[in-house]
Amino acid sequence: MDKLLVVIAGILSITAIAWWFFGNKQQIAIASEQTASEQTATITVDGGYSPAVLSLKAGIPAKITFLRKDPSGCLEEVIMPDFGVAEKLPVNEPLVVTILPKAAGEFTYTCGMRMFSGKIQVV
């Protein structure tokens, strides 16, 4: 009986760990601050991107400020292939990237090693 309880507890533990690491986590899109002529947002780079999902409006230039706090080599670059951006991010210094989201859609950006990613939702 004890062995059966240990096996059940082990299976439940493995299931919980798998769900925690690999489960689909819902991410909330954070809207940029907008005026008639531009939209602005700040993304903190610290063990990933925060916010992980940014909402922008199509047709309005966007200034996205990246503030890198994580000194690890993986996060030293941000790549936004849909907007032609590949920039080195200095540690503890803001870097402003200007893009023009022309069409609605969901666009992914990544670190230089493509281990961390974020999304831009254009509406």
PDB file of N, CA and C in Angstrom:
ATOM      1  N   MET A   1       0.809  -1.193   0.000  1.00  0.00           N
ATOM      2  CA  MET A   1       0.000   0.000   0.000  1.00  0.00           C
ATOM      3  C   MET A   1       0.855   1.261   0.000  1.00  0.00           C
ATOM      4  N   ASP A   2       1.950   1.234   0.780  1.00  0.00           N
ATOM      5  CA  ASP A   2       2.834   2.395   0.829  1.00  0.00           C
ATOM      6  C   ASP A   2       3.468   2.662  -0.532  1.00  0.00           C
ATOM      7  N   LYS A   3       3.838   1.585  -1.232  1.00  0.00           N
ATOM      8  CA  LYS A   3       4.451   1.745  -2.548  1.00  0.00           C
ATOM      9  C   LYS A   3       3.470   2.376  -3.538  1.00  0.00           C
ATOM     10  N   LEU A   4       2.215   2.000  -3.445  1.00  0.00           N
ATOM     11  CA  LEU A   4       1.187   2.553  -4.318  1.00  0.00           C
ATOM     12  C   LEU A   4       1.019   4.059  -4.069  1.00  0.00           C
ATOM     13  N   LEU A   5       1.017   4.459  -2.810  1.00  0.00           N
ATOM     14  CA  LEU A   5       0.899   5.881  -2.479  1.00  0.00           C
ATOM     15  C   LEU A   5       2.105   6.674  -2.986  1.00  0.00           C
ATOM     16  N   VAL A   6       3.285   6.096  -2.882  1.00  0.00           N
ATOM     17  CA  VAL A   6       4.490   6.758  -3.377  1.00  0.00           C
ATOM     18  C   VAL A   6       4.430   6.922  -4.896  1.00  0.00           C
ATOM     19  N   VAL A   7       3.981   5.900  -5.597  1.00  0.00           N
ATOM     20  CA  VAL A   7       3.858   5.968  -7.055  1.00  0.00           C
ATOM     21  C   VAL A   7       2.843   7.036  -7.455  1.00  0.00           C
ATOM     22  N   ILE A   8       1.696   7.069  -6.786  1.00  0.00           N
ATOM     23  CA  ILE A   8       0.669   8.069  -7.090  1.00  0.00           C
ATOM     24  C   ILE A   8       1.183   9.476  -6.808  1.00  0.00           C
ATOM     25  N   ALA A   9       1.856   9.655  -5.679  1.00  0.00           N
ATOM     26  CA  ALA A   9       2.416  10.969  -5.345  1.00  0.00           C
ATOM     27  C   ALA A   9       3.469  11.385  -6.376  1.00  0.00           C
ATOM     28  N   GLY A  10       4.271  10.436  -6.832  1.00  0.00           N
ATOM     29  CA  GLY A  10       5.282  10.734  -7.849  1.00  0.00           C
ATOM     30  C   GLY A  10       4.663  11.157  -9.164  1.00  0.00           C
ATOM     31  N   ILE A  11       3.610  10.450  -9.586  1.00  0.00           N
ATOM     32  CA  ILE A  11       2.922  10.793 -10.840  1.00  0.00           C
ATOM     33  C   ILE A  11       2.278  12.176 -10.738  1.00  0.00           C
ATOM     34  N   LEU A  12       1.653  12.456  -9.601  1.00  0.00           N
ATOM     35  CA  LEU A  12       1.047  13.777  -9.411  1.00  0.00           C
ATOM     36  C   LEU A  12       2.102  14.885  -9.413  1.00  0.00           C
ATOM     37  N   SER A  13       3.245  14.623  -8.805  1.00  0.00           N
ATOM     38  CA  SER A  13       4.330  15.611  -8.780  1.00  0.00           C
ATOM     39  C   SER A  13       4.871  15.872 -10.176  1.00  0.00           C
ATOM     40  N   ILE A  14       5.088  14.826 -10.945  1.00  0.00           N
ATOM     41  CA  ILE A  14       5.589  14.972 -12.310  1.00  0.00           C
ATOM     42  C   ILE A  14       4.583  15.746 -13.168  1.00  0.00           C
ATOM     43  N   THR A  15       3.297  15.438 -13.015  1.00  0.00           N
ATOM     44  CA  THR A  15       2.254  16.141 -13.759  1.00  0.00           C
ATOM     45  C   THR A  15       2.227  17.626 -13.400  1.00  0.00           C
ATOM     46  N   ALA A  16       2.328  17.938 -12.126  1.00  0.00           N
ATOM     47  CA  ALA A  16       2.318  19.333 -11.684  1.00  0.00           C
ATOM     48  C   ALA A  16       3.528  20.098 -12.215  1.00  0.00           C
ATOM     49  N   ILE A  17       4.687  19.469 -12.182  1.00  0.00           N
ATOM     50  CA  ILE A  17       5.896  20.121 -12.692  1.00  0.00           C
ATOM     51  C   ILE A  17       5.796  20.353 -14.194  1.00  0.00           C
ATOM     52  N   ALA A  18       5.320  19.364 -14.931  1.00  0.00           N
ATOM     53  CA  ALA A  18       5.165  19.506 -16.380  1.00  0.00           C
ATOM     54  C   ALA A  18       4.176  20.617 -16.703  1.00  0.00           C
ATOM     55  N   TRP A  19       3.069  20.686 -15.981  1.00  0.00           N
ATOM     56  CA  TRP A  19       2.090  21.748 -16.214  1.00  0.00           C
ATOM     57  C   TRP A  19       2.700  23.112 -15.934  1.00  0.00           C
ATOM     58  N   TRP A  20       3.439  23.235 -14.848  1.00  0.00           N
ATOM     59  CA  TRP A  20       4.035  24.520 -14.457  1.00  0.00           C
ATOM     60  C   TRP A  20       5.008  25.028 -15.514  1.00  0.00           C
ATOM     61  N   PHE A  21       5.860  24.168 -16.029  1.00  0.00           N
ATOM     62  CA  PHE A  21       6.885  24.608 -16.971  1.00  0.00           C
ATOM     63  C   PHE A  21       6.405  24.644 -18.420  1.00  0.00           C
ATOM     64  N   PHE A  22       5.526  23.737 -18.810  1.00  0.00           N
ATOM     65  CA  PHE A  22       5.167  23.609 -20.213  1.00  0.00           C
ATOM     66  C   PHE A  22       3.720  23.979 -20.523  1.00  0.00           C
ATOM     67  N   GLY A  23       2.934  24.272 -19.515  1.00  0.00           N
ATOM     68  CA  GLY A  23       1.533  24.624 -19.737  1.00  0.00           C
ATOM     69  C   GLY A  23       1.397  25.956 -20.456  1.00  0.00           C
ATOM     70  N   ASN A  24       0.314  26.147 -21.156  1.00  0.00           N
ATOM     71  CA  ASN A  24       0.054  27.377 -21.881  1.00  0.00           C
ATOM     72  C   ASN A  24      -0.339  28.463 -20.887  1.00  0.00           C
ATOM     73  N   LYS A  25       0.518  29.465 -20.754  1.00  0.00           N
ATOM     74  CA  LYS A  25       0.248  30.557 -19.827  1.00  0.00           C
ATOM     75  C   LYS A  25      -0.350  31.726 -20.600  1.00  0.00           C
ATOM     76  N   GLN A  26      -1.480  32.213 -20.148  1.00  0.00           N
ATOM     77  CA  GLN A  26      -2.123  33.323 -20.812  1.00  0.00           C
ATOM     78  C   GLN A  26      -1.367  34.597 -20.484  1.00  0.00           C
ATOM     79  N   GLN A  27      -1.063  35.367 -21.516  1.00  0.00           N
ATOM     80  CA  GLN A  27      -0.339  36.609 -21.336  1.00  0.00           C
ATOM     81  C   GLN A  27      -1.264  37.773 -21.676  1.00  0.00           C
ATOM     82  N   ILE A  28      -1.255  38.780 -20.837  1.00  0.00           N
ATOM     83  CA  ILE A  28      -2.101  39.936 -21.041  1.00  0.00           C
ATOM     84  C   ILE A  28      -1.317  40.986 -21.822  1.00  0.00           C
ATOM     85  N   ALA A  29      -1.916  41.517 -22.872  1.00  0.00           N
ATOM     86  CA  ALA A  29      -1.272  42.549 -23.681  1.00  0.00           C
ATOM     87  C   ALA A  29      -1.371  43.885 -22.959  1.00  0.00           C
ATOM     88  N   ILE A  30      -0.256  44.592 -22.883  1.00  0.00           N
ATOM     89  CA  ILE A  30      -0.210  45.917 -22.290  1.00  0.00           C
ATOM     90  C   ILE A  30      -0.252  46.935 -23.416  1.00  0.00           C
ATOM     91  N   ALA A  31      -1.177  47.870 -23.339  1.00  0.00           N
ATOM     92  CA  ALA A  31      -1.310  48.891 -24.385  1.00  0.00           C
ATOM     93  C   ALA A  31      -0.240  49.959 -24.221  1.00  0.00           C
ATOM     94  N   SER A  32       0.190  50.494 -25.354  1.00  0.00           N
ATOM     95  CA  SER A  32       1.154  51.590 -25.328  1.00  0.00           C
ATOM     96  C   SER A  32       0.437  52.888 -24.986  1.00  0.00           C
ATOM     97  N   GLU A  33       1.214  53.900 -24.595  1.00  0.00           N
ATOM     98  CA  GLU A  33       0.650  55.236 -24.395  1.00  0.00           C
ATOM     99  C   GLU A  33       0.568  55.874 -25.773  1.00  0.00           C
ATOM    100  N   GLN A  34      -0.582  56.466 -26.101  1.00  0.00           N
ATOM    101  CA  GLN A  34      -0.798  56.936 -27.464  1.00  0.00           C
ATOM    102  C   GLN A  34      -1.224  58.386 -27.520  1.00  0.00           C
ATOM    103  N   THR A  35      -0.692  59.072 -28.548  1.00  0.00           N
ATOM    104  CA  THR A  35      -1.175  60.391 -28.938  1.00  0.00           C
ATOM    105  C   THR A  35      -1.569  60.256 -30.407  1.00  0.00           C
ATOM    106  N   ALA A  36      -1.990  61.343 -31.002  1.00  0.00           N
ATOM    107  CA  ALA A  36      -2.398  61.292 -32.406  1.00  0.00           C
ATOM    108  C   ALA A  36      -1.224  61.005 -33.335  1.00  0.00           C
ATOM    109  N   SER A  37      -0.002  61.387 -32.921  1.00  0.00           N
ATOM    110  CA  SER A  37       1.146  61.262 -33.824  1.00  0.00           C
ATOM    111  C   SER A  37       2.138  60.168 -33.464  1.00  0.00           C
ATOM    112  N   GLU A  38       2.066  59.611 -32.243  1.00  0.00           N
ATOM    113  CA  GLU A  38       2.996  58.543 -31.869  1.00  0.00           C
ATOM    114  C   GLU A  38       2.452  57.738 -30.706  1.00  0.00           C
ATOM    115  N   GLN A  39       3.059  56.582 -30.517  1.00  0.00           N
ATOM    116  CA  GLN A  39       2.749  55.738 -29.361  1.00  0.00           C
ATOM    117  C   GLN A  39       4.066  55.328 -28.724  1.00  0.00           C
ATOM    118  N   THR A  40       4.073  55.227 -27.410  1.00  0.00           N
ATOM    119  CA  THR A  40       5.301  54.901 -26.687  1.00  0.00           C
ATOM    120  C   THR A  40       5.045  53.765 -25.703  1.00  0.00           C
ATOM    121  N   ALA A  41       6.101  53.015 -25.435  1.00  0.00           N
ATOM    122  CA  ALA A  41       6.025  51.924 -24.459  1.00  0.00           C
ATOM    123  C   ALA A  41       7.429  51.635 -23.947  1.00  0.00           C
ATOM    124  N   THR A  42       7.499  51.063 -22.762  1.00  0.00           N
ATOM    125  CA  THR A  42       8.778  50.646 -22.184  1.00  0.00           C
ATOM    126  C   THR A  42       8.717  49.154 -21.900  1.00  0.00           C
ATOM    127  N   ILE A  43       9.768  48.450 -22.318  1.00  0.00           N
ATOM    128  CA  ILE A  43       9.890  47.019 -22.071  1.00  0.00           C
ATOM    129  C   ILE A  43      11.139  46.800 -21.224  1.00  0.00           C
ATOM    130  N   THR A  44      10.963  46.193 -20.070  1.00  0.00           N
ATOM    131  CA  THR A  44      12.086  45.874 -19.196  1.00  0.00           C
ATOM    132  C   THR A  44      12.627  44.501 -19.578  1.00  0.00           C
ATOM    133  N   VAL A  45      13.941  44.429 -19.735  1.00  0.00           N
ATOM    134  CA  VAL A  45      14.606  43.185 -20.115  1.00  0.00           C
ATOM    135  C   VAL A  45      15.348  42.673 -18.879  1.00  0.00           C
ATOM    136  N   ASP A  46      14.750  41.691 -18.216  1.00  0.00           N
ATOM    137  CA  ASP A  46      15.320  41.171 -16.986  1.00  0.00           C
ATOM    138  C   ASP A  46      14.867  39.721 -16.820  1.00  0.00           C
ATOM    139  N   GLY A  47      15.640  38.796 -17.346  1.00  0.00           N
ATOM    140  CA  GLY A  47      15.249  37.389 -17.320  1.00  0.00           C
ATOM    141  C   GLY A  47      14.117  37.108 -18.288  1.00  0.00           C
ATOM    142  N   GLY A  48      13.918  37.973 -19.241  1.00  0.00           N
ATOM    143  CA  GLY A  48      12.842  37.907 -20.223  1.00  0.00           C
ATOM    144  C   GLY A  48      12.378  39.317 -20.524  1.00  0.00           C
ATOM    145  N   TYR A  49      11.225  39.435 -21.151  1.00  0.00           N
ATOM    146  CA  TYR A  49      10.685  40.738 -21.529  1.00  0.00           C
ATOM    147  C   TYR A  49       9.417  41.012 -20.736  1.00  0.00           C
ATOM    148  N   SER A  50       9.327  42.204 -20.155  1.00  0.00           N
ATOM    149  CA  SER A  50       8.151  42.578 -19.386  1.00  0.00           C
ATOM    150  C   SER A  50       7.716  43.983 -19.779  1.00  0.00           C
ATOM    151  N   PRO A  51       6.540  44.155 -20.311  1.00  0.00           N
ATOM    152  CA  PRO A  51       5.531  43.148 -20.559  1.00  0.00           C
ATOM    153  C   PRO A  51       5.927  42.237 -21.715  1.00  0.00           C
ATOM    154  N   ALA A  52       5.428  41.025 -21.694  1.00  0.00           N
ATOM    155  CA  ALA A  52       5.752  40.056 -22.736  1.00  0.00           C
ATOM    156  C   ALA A  52       4.921  40.282 -23.991  1.00  0.00           C
ATOM    157  N   VAL A  53       3.773  40.953 -23.843  1.00  0.00           N
ATOM    158  CA  VAL A  53       2.914  41.247 -24.986  1.00  0.00           C
ATOM    159  C   VAL A  53       2.587  42.731 -24.961  1.00  0.00           C
ATOM    160  N   LEU A  54       2.847  43.401 -26.082  1.00  0.00           N
ATOM    161  CA  LEU A  54       2.623  44.837 -26.220  1.00  0.00           C
ATOM    162  C   LEU A  54       1.599  45.073 -27.310  1.00  0.00           C
ATOM    163  N   SER A  55       0.610  45.916 -27.037  1.00  0.00           N
ATOM    164  CA  SER A  55      -0.437  46.216 -28.012  1.00  0.00           C
ATOM    165  C   SER A  55      -0.190  47.594 -28.620  1.00  0.00           C
ATOM    166  N   LEU A  56      -0.129  47.657 -29.959  1.00  0.00           N
ATOM    167  CA  LEU A  56       0.083  48.901 -30.694  1.00  0.00           C
ATOM    168  C   LEU A  56      -1.024  49.077 -31.725  1.00  0.00           C
ATOM    169  N   LYS A  57      -1.204  50.324 -32.185  1.00  0.00           N
ATOM    170  CA  LYS A  57      -2.160  50.606 -33.249  1.00  0.00           C
ATOM    171  C   LYS A  57      -1.420  50.711 -34.575  1.00  0.00           C
ATOM    172  N   ALA A  58      -2.028  50.186 -35.597  1.00  0.00           N
ATOM    173  CA  ALA A  58      -1.446  50.225 -36.938  1.00  0.00           C
ATOM    174  C   ALA A  58      -1.438  51.656 -37.461  1.00  0.00           C
ATOM    175  N   GLY A  59      -0.385  51.976 -38.226  1.00  0.00           N
ATOM    176  CA  GLY A  59      -0.300  53.265 -38.900  1.00  0.00           C
ATOM    177  C   GLY A  59       0.247  54.408 -38.076  1.00  0.00           C
ATOM    178  N   ILE A  60       0.559  54.179 -36.809  1.00  0.00           N
ATOM    179  CA  ILE A  60       1.099  55.228 -35.940  1.00  0.00           C
ATOM    180  C   ILE A  60       2.513  54.813 -35.516  1.00  0.00           C
ATOM    181  N   PRO A  61       3.534  55.669 -35.742  1.00  0.00           N
ATOM    182  CA  PRO A  61       4.895  55.316 -35.323  1.00  0.00           C
ATOM    183  C   PRO A  61       4.945  55.008 -33.826  1.00  0.00           C
ATOM    184  N   ALA A  62       5.735  54.003 -33.489  1.00  0.00           N
ATOM    185  CA  ALA A  62       5.867  53.579 -32.093  1.00  0.00           C
ATOM    186  C   ALA A  62       7.322  53.690 -31.650  1.00  0.00           C
ATOM    187  N   LYS A  63       7.527  54.311 -30.496  1.00  0.00           N
ATOM    188  CA  LYS A  63       8.846  54.386 -29.874  1.00  0.00           C
ATOM    189  C   LYS A  63       8.827  53.435 -28.684  1.00  0.00           C
ATOM    190  N   ILE A  64       9.596  52.359 -28.797  1.00  0.00           N
ATOM    191  CA  ILE A  64       9.667  51.356 -27.739  1.00  0.00           C
ATOM    192  C   ILE A  64      11.011  51.498 -27.041  1.00  0.00           C
ATOM    193  N   THR A  65      10.973  51.768 -25.753  1.00  0.00           N
ATOM    194  CA  THR A  65      12.190  51.900 -24.961  1.00  0.00           C
ATOM    195  C   THR A  65      12.470  50.567 -24.295  1.00  0.00           C
ATOM    196  N   PHE A  66      13.645  50.009 -24.586  1.00  0.00           N
ATOM    197  CA  PHE A  66      14.090  48.778 -23.945  1.00  0.00           C
ATOM    198  C   PHE A  66      15.055  49.157 -22.825  1.00  0.00           C
ATOM    199  N   LEU A  67      14.784  48.675 -21.621  1.00  0.00           N
ATOM    200  CA  LEU A  67      15.668  48.908 -20.484  1.00  0.00           C
ATOM    201  C   LEU A  67      16.169  47.554 -20.002  1.00  0.00           C
ATOM    202  N   ARG A  68      17.412  47.260 -20.337  1.00  0.00           N
ATOM    203  CA  ARG A  68      18.015  45.963 -19.993  1.00  0.00           C
ATOM    204  C   ARG A  68      18.649  46.029 -18.619  1.00  0.00           C
ATOM    205  N   LYS A  69      18.176  45.159 -17.719  1.00  0.00           N
ATOM    206  CA  LYS A  69      18.733  45.060 -16.377  1.00  0.00           C
ATOM    207  C   LYS A  69      19.526  43.774 -16.187  1.00  0.00           C
ATOM    208  N   ASP A  70      19.297  42.805 -17.060  1.00  0.00           N
ATOM    209  CA  ASP A  70      19.934  41.488 -16.978  1.00  0.00           C
ATOM    210  C   ASP A  70      21.247  41.523 -17.766  1.00  0.00           C
ATOM    211  N   PRO A  71      22.396  41.306 -17.103  1.00  0.00           N
ATOM    212  CA  PRO A  71      23.671  41.376 -17.810  1.00  0.00           C
ATOM    213  C   PRO A  71      24.032  40.130 -18.610  1.00  0.00           C
ATOM    214  N   SER A  72      23.176  39.119 -18.610  1.00  0.00           N
ATOM    215  CA  SER A  72      23.516  37.884 -19.320  1.00  0.00           C
ATOM    216  C   SER A  72      23.642  38.141 -20.817  1.00  0.00           C
ATOM    217  N   GLY A  73      24.529  37.386 -21.447  1.00  0.00           N
ATOM    218  CA  GLY A  73      24.820  37.568 -22.865  1.00  0.00           C
ATOM    219  C   GLY A  73      23.635  37.318 -23.778  1.00  0.00           C
ATOM    220  N   CYS A  74      22.734  36.448 -23.382  1.00  0.00           N
ATOM    221  CA  CYS A  74      21.595  36.110 -24.231  1.00  0.00           C
ATOM    222  C   CYS A  74      20.717  37.321 -24.505  1.00  0.00           C
ATOM    223  N   LEU A  75      20.535  38.155 -23.509  1.00  0.00           N
ATOM    224  CA  LEU A  75      19.609  39.276 -23.641  1.00  0.00           C
ATOM    225  C   LEU A  75      20.285  40.572 -24.094  1.00  0.00           C
ATOM    226  N   GLU A  76      21.500  40.482 -24.627  1.00  0.00           N
ATOM    227  CA  GLU A  76      22.195  41.702 -25.034  1.00  0.00           C
ATOM    228  C   GLU A  76      21.727  42.244 -26.376  1.00  0.00           C
ATOM    229  N   GLU A  77      20.873  41.511 -27.071  1.00  0.00           N
ATOM    230  CA  GLU A  77      20.393  41.962 -28.370  1.00  0.00           C
ATOM    231  C   GLU A  77      18.904  41.689 -28.488  1.00  0.00           C
ATOM    232  N   VAL A  78      18.191  42.598 -29.170  1.00  0.00           N
ATOM    233  CA  VAL A  78      16.782  42.378 -29.474  1.00  0.00           C
ATOM    234  C   VAL A  78      16.640  42.351 -30.990  1.00  0.00           C
ATOM    235  N   ILE A  79      15.896  41.350 -31.478  1.00  0.00           N
ATOM    236  CA  ILE A  79      15.705  41.175 -32.919  1.00  0.00           C
ATOM    237  C   ILE A  79      14.209  41.211 -33.211  1.00  0.00           C
ATOM    238  N   MET A  80      13.834  42.148 -34.087  1.00  0.00           N
ATOM    239  CA  MET A  80      12.441  42.284 -34.528  1.00  0.00           C
ATOM    240  C   MET A  80      12.433  42.138 -36.045  1.00  0.00           C
ATOM    241  N   PRO A  81      12.431  40.904 -36.544  1.00  0.00           N
ATOM    242  CA  PRO A  81      12.597  40.700 -37.986  1.00  0.00           C
ATOM    243  C   PRO A  81      11.514  41.337 -38.846  1.00  0.00           C
ATOM    244  N   ASP A  82      10.299  41.412 -38.349  1.00  0.00           N
ATOM    245  CA  ASP A  82       9.211  41.999 -39.133  1.00  0.00           C
ATOM    246  C   ASP A  82       9.344  43.511 -39.286  1.00  0.00           C
ATOM    247  N   PHE A  83      10.175  44.133 -38.458  1.00  0.00           N
ATOM    248  CA  PHE A  83      10.364  45.577 -38.515  1.00  0.00           C
ATOM    249  C   PHE A  83      11.800  45.956 -38.890  1.00  0.00           C
ATOM    250  N   GLY A  84      12.611  44.971 -39.234  1.00  0.00           N
ATOM    251  CA  GLY A  84      13.990  45.228 -39.647  1.00  0.00           C
ATOM    252  C   GLY A  84      14.877  45.759 -38.535  1.00  0.00           C
ATOM    253  N   VAL A  85      14.643  45.304 -37.313  1.00  0.00           N
ATOM    254  CA  VAL A  85      15.399  45.794 -36.155  1.00  0.00           C
ATOM    255  C   VAL A  85      16.279  44.685 -35.600  1.00  0.00           C
ATOM    256  N   ALA A  86      17.544  45.006 -35.378  1.00  0.00           N
ATOM    257  CA  ALA A  86      18.491  44.154 -34.651  1.00  0.00           C
ATOM    258  C   ALA A  86      19.417  45.116 -33.906  1.00  0.00           C
ATOM    259  N   GLU A  87      19.175  45.262 -32.608  1.00  0.00           N
ATOM    260  CA  GLU A  87      19.902  46.256 -31.813  1.00  0.00           C
ATOM    261  C   GLU A  87      20.544  45.622 -30.592  1.00  0.00           C
ATOM    262  N   LYS A  88      21.740  46.085 -30.262  1.00  0.00           N
ATOM    263  CA  LYS A  88      22.410  45.708 -29.014  1.00  0.00           C
ATOM    264  C   LYS A  88      21.806  46.534 -27.890  1.00  0.00           C
ATOM    265  N   LEU A  89      21.540  45.897 -26.762  1.00  0.00           N
ATOM    266  CA  LEU A  89      20.945  46.572 -25.622  1.00  0.00           C
ATOM    267  C   LEU A  89      21.997  46.765 -24.531  1.00  0.00           C
ATOM    268  N   PRO A  90      22.358  48.005 -24.231  1.00  0.00           N
ATOM    269  CA  PRO A  90      23.316  48.232 -23.146  1.00  0.00           C
ATOM    270  C   PRO A  90      22.659  47.966 -21.784  1.00  0.00           C
ATOM    271  N   VAL A  91      23.452  47.552 -20.827  1.00  0.00           N
ATOM    272  CA  VAL A  91      22.938  47.263 -19.485  1.00  0.00           C
ATOM    273  C   VAL A  91      22.663  48.586 -18.768  1.00  0.00           C
ATOM    274  N   ASN A  92      21.472  48.683 -18.170  1.00  0.00           N
ATOM    275  CA  ASN A  92      21.042  49.834 -17.363  1.00  0.00           C
ATOM    276  C   ASN A  92      21.035  51.158 -18.122  1.00  0.00           C
ATOM    277  N   GLU A  93      20.915  51.106 -19.433  1.00  0.00           N
ATOM    278  CA  GLU A  93      20.777  52.317 -20.248  1.00  0.00           C
ATOM    279  C   GLU A  93      19.609  52.098 -21.195  1.00  0.00           C
ATOM    280  N   PRO A  94      18.670  53.031 -21.217  1.00  0.00           N
ATOM    281  CA  PRO A  94      17.530  52.849 -22.117  1.00  0.00           C
ATOM    282  C   PRO A  94      17.945  52.972 -23.587  1.00  0.00           C
ATOM    283  N   LEU A  95      17.345  52.138 -24.416  1.00  0.00           N
ATOM    284  CA  LEU A  95      17.562  52.208 -25.858  1.00  0.00           C
ATOM    285  C   LEU A  95      16.192  52.315 -26.515  1.00  0.00           C
ATOM    286  N   VAL A  96      16.002  53.367 -27.310  1.00  0.00           N
ATOM    287  CA  VAL A  96      14.722  53.592 -27.969  1.00  0.00           C
ATOM    288  C   VAL A  96      14.778  53.043 -29.385  1.00  0.00           C
ATOM    289  N   VAL A  97      13.808  52.190 -29.705  1.00  0.00           N
ATOM    290  CA  VAL A  97      13.664  51.628 -31.047  1.00  0.00           C
ATOM    291  C   VAL A  97      12.372  52.191 -31.622  1.00  0.00           C
ATOM    292  N   THR A  98      12.445  52.775 -32.813  1.00  0.00           N
ATOM    293  CA  THR A  98      11.257  53.321 -33.462  1.00  0.00           C
ATOM    294  C   THR A  98      10.838  52.401 -34.596  1.00  0.00           C
ATOM    295  N   ILE A  99       9.557  52.021 -34.580  1.00  0.00           N
ATOM    296  CA  ILE A  99       9.018  51.162 -35.630  1.00  0.00           C
ATOM    297  C   ILE A  99       7.711  51.769 -36.131  1.00  0.00           C
ATOM    298  N   LEU A 100       7.299  51.361 -37.318  1.00  0.00           N
ATOM    299  CA  LEU A 100       6.004  51.762 -37.859  1.00  0.00           C
ATOM    300  C   LEU A 100       5.204  50.500 -38.147  1.00  0.00           C
ATOM    301  N   PRO A 101       4.300  50.145 -37.228  1.00  0.00           N
ATOM    302  CA  PRO A 101       3.461  48.965 -37.478  1.00  0.00           C
ATOM    303  C   PRO A 101       2.409  49.314 -38.540  1.00  0.00           C
ATOM    304  N   LYS A 102       2.584  48.771 -39.746  1.00  0.00           N
ATOM    305  CA  LYS A 102       1.719  49.148 -40.869  1.00  0.00           C
ATOM    306  C   LYS A 102       0.421  48.364 -40.917  1.00  0.00           C
ATOM    307  N   ALA A 103       0.451  47.103 -40.545  1.00  0.00           N
ATOM    308  CA  ALA A 103      -0.730  46.253 -40.679  1.00  0.00           C
ATOM    309  C   ALA A 103      -1.026  45.535 -39.368  1.00  0.00           C
ATOM    310  N   ALA A 104      -2.285  45.202 -39.186  1.00  0.00           N
ATOM    311  CA  ALA A 104      -2.681  44.452 -37.990  1.00  0.00           C
ATOM    312  C   ALA A 104      -2.081  43.050 -38.043  1.00  0.00           C
ATOM    313  N   GLY A 105      -1.808  42.512 -36.876  1.00  0.00           N
ATOM    314  CA  GLY A 105      -1.257  41.166 -36.784  1.00  0.00           C
ATOM    315  C   GLY A 105      -0.486  40.981 -35.494  1.00  0.00           C
ATOM    316  N   GLU A 106       0.121  39.830 -35.355  1.00  0.00           N
ATOM    317  CA  GLU A 106       0.929  39.512 -34.183  1.00  0.00           C
ATOM    318  C   GLU A 106       2.356  39.271 -34.640  1.00  0.00           C
ATOM    319  N   PHE A 107       3.291  40.001 -34.061  1.00  0.00           N
ATOM    320  CA  PHE A 107       4.683  39.951 -34.476  1.00  0.00           C
ATOM    321  C   PHE A 107       5.560  39.586 -33.283  1.00  0.00           C
ATOM    322  N   THR A 108       6.471  38.649 -33.495  1.00  0.00           N
ATOM    323  CA  THR A 108       7.341  38.165 -32.423  1.00  0.00           C
ATOM    324  C   THR A 108       8.701  38.835 -32.510  1.00  0.00           C
ATOM    325  N   TYR A 109       9.265  39.152 -31.349  1.00  0.00           N
ATOM    326  CA  TYR A 109      10.653  39.602 -31.267  1.00  0.00           C
ATOM    327  C   TYR A 109      11.373  38.693 -30.288  1.00  0.00           C
ATOM    328  N   THR A 110      12.689  38.580 -30.454  1.00  0.00           N
ATOM    329  CA  THR A 110      13.460  37.642 -29.637  1.00  0.00           C
ATOM    330  C   THR A 110      14.771  38.263 -29.190  1.00  0.00           C
ATOM    331  N   CYS A 111      15.434  37.552 -28.285  1.00  0.00           N
ATOM    332  CA  CYS A 111      16.804  37.900 -27.928  1.00  0.00           C
ATOM    333  C   CYS A 111      17.724  37.382 -29.039  1.00  0.00           C
ATOM    334  N   GLY A 112      18.982  37.707 -28.963  1.00  0.00           N
ATOM    335  CA  GLY A 112      19.925  37.298 -29.993  1.00  0.00           C
ATOM    336  C   GLY A 112      20.048  35.797 -30.153  1.00  0.00           C
ATOM    337  N   MET A 113      19.862  35.046 -29.087  1.00  0.00           N
ATOM    338  CA  MET A 113      19.962  33.585 -29.151  1.00  0.00           C
ATOM    339  C   MET A 113      18.606  32.919 -29.382  1.00  0.00           C
ATOM    340  N   ARG A 114      17.569  33.713 -29.471  1.00  0.00           N
ATOM    341  CA  ARG A 114      16.196  33.243 -29.684  1.00  0.00           C
ATOM    342  C   ARG A 114      15.689  32.336 -28.554  1.00  0.00           C
ATOM    343  N   MET A 115      16.195  32.574 -27.348  1.00  0.00           N
ATOM    344  CA  MET A 115      15.744  31.806 -26.187  1.00  0.00           C
ATOM    345  C   MET A 115      14.576  32.500 -25.490  1.00  0.00           C
ATOM    346  N   PHE A 116      14.551  33.829 -25.532  1.00  0.00           N
ATOM    347  CA  PHE A 116      13.479  34.606 -24.922  1.00  0.00           C
ATOM    348  C   PHE A 116      12.750  35.356 -26.014  1.00  0.00           C
ATOM    349  N   SER A 117      11.443  35.491 -25.859  1.00  0.00           N
ATOM    350  CA  SER A 117      10.685  36.194 -26.886  1.00  0.00           C
ATOM    351  C   SER A 117       9.553  37.010 -26.274  1.00  0.00           C
ATOM    352  N   GLY A 118       9.059  37.934 -27.061  1.00  0.00           N
ATOM    353  CA  GLY A 118       7.909  38.750 -26.705  1.00  0.00           C
ATOM    354  C   GLY A 118       7.063  38.914 -27.952  1.00  0.00           C
ATOM    355  N   LYS A 119       5.888  39.500 -27.802  1.00  0.00           N
ATOM    356  CA  LYS A 119       4.990  39.688 -28.932  1.00  0.00           C
ATOM    357  C   LYS A 119       4.506  41.130 -28.991  1.00  0.00           C
ATOM    358  N   ILE A 120       4.296  41.568 -30.224  1.00  0.00           N
ATOM    359  CA  ILE A 120       3.660  42.853 -30.462  1.00  0.00           C
ATOM    360  C   ILE A 120       2.353  42.558 -31.193  1.00  0.00           C
ATOM    361  N   GLN A 121       1.252  42.956 -30.586  1.00  0.00           N
ATOM    362  CA  GLN A 121      -0.060  42.802 -31.224  1.00  0.00           C
ATOM    363  C   GLN A 121      -0.442  44.152 -31.810  1.00  0.00           C
ATOM    364  N   VAL A 122      -0.608  44.174 -33.116  1.00  0.00           N
ATOM    365  CA  VAL A 122      -0.993  45.413 -33.796  1.00  0.00           C
ATOM    366  C   VAL A 122      -2.460  45.303 -34.179  1.00  0.00           C
ATOM    367  N   VAL A 123      -3.227  46.312 -33.746  1.00  0.00           N
ATOM    368  CA  VAL A 123      -4.667  46.325 -34.040  1.00  0.00           C
ATOM    369  C   VAL A 123      -5.018  47.532 -34.908  1.00  0.00           C
TER     370      VAL A 123
END
